[in-house]
Amino acid sequence: MKEAQGIGDSTLMVIQLIFENTRLPERAFDPSKSILKLAKKYSAARLENACEMALKTLRSPRYKHLDPILASGEDILYAKDRDAAHQAETASTTGFIRGASYYGGYDND
């Protein structure tokens, strides 16, 4: 669990769901280890993105769901789209802000 927590919240959630949906905790160790090995094969950031993506559509994502996402690069596209949407949202709420120097400095005499 600590290793999953170090990767990210979505990865931790996937591992927790595996343990919750398994009758015997011992049977959840191998599937969890398989998922955590994906971080070594691809990267921790990519695994986190894949887990986040899978959690949006699946109740309990497993290795068989996450590996194809990572192999095809869908997680990279998902991350780019998410970041672009976040930047667009941030830009529309902050607007264009000009400092005092633009309007003639701090002296208003």
Foldseek 3Di string as FASTA:
>chain_A
DVLQVVLHDLSVVLLVLLCVPDPDNVVSVVQNVLLSVVCVVQNSPLSSLLSVVCVVPDVHDTPVRSVVCVVVVVSVVSVVVVVVVVVVVVCVVPDDDDDQVVVPHDDPD
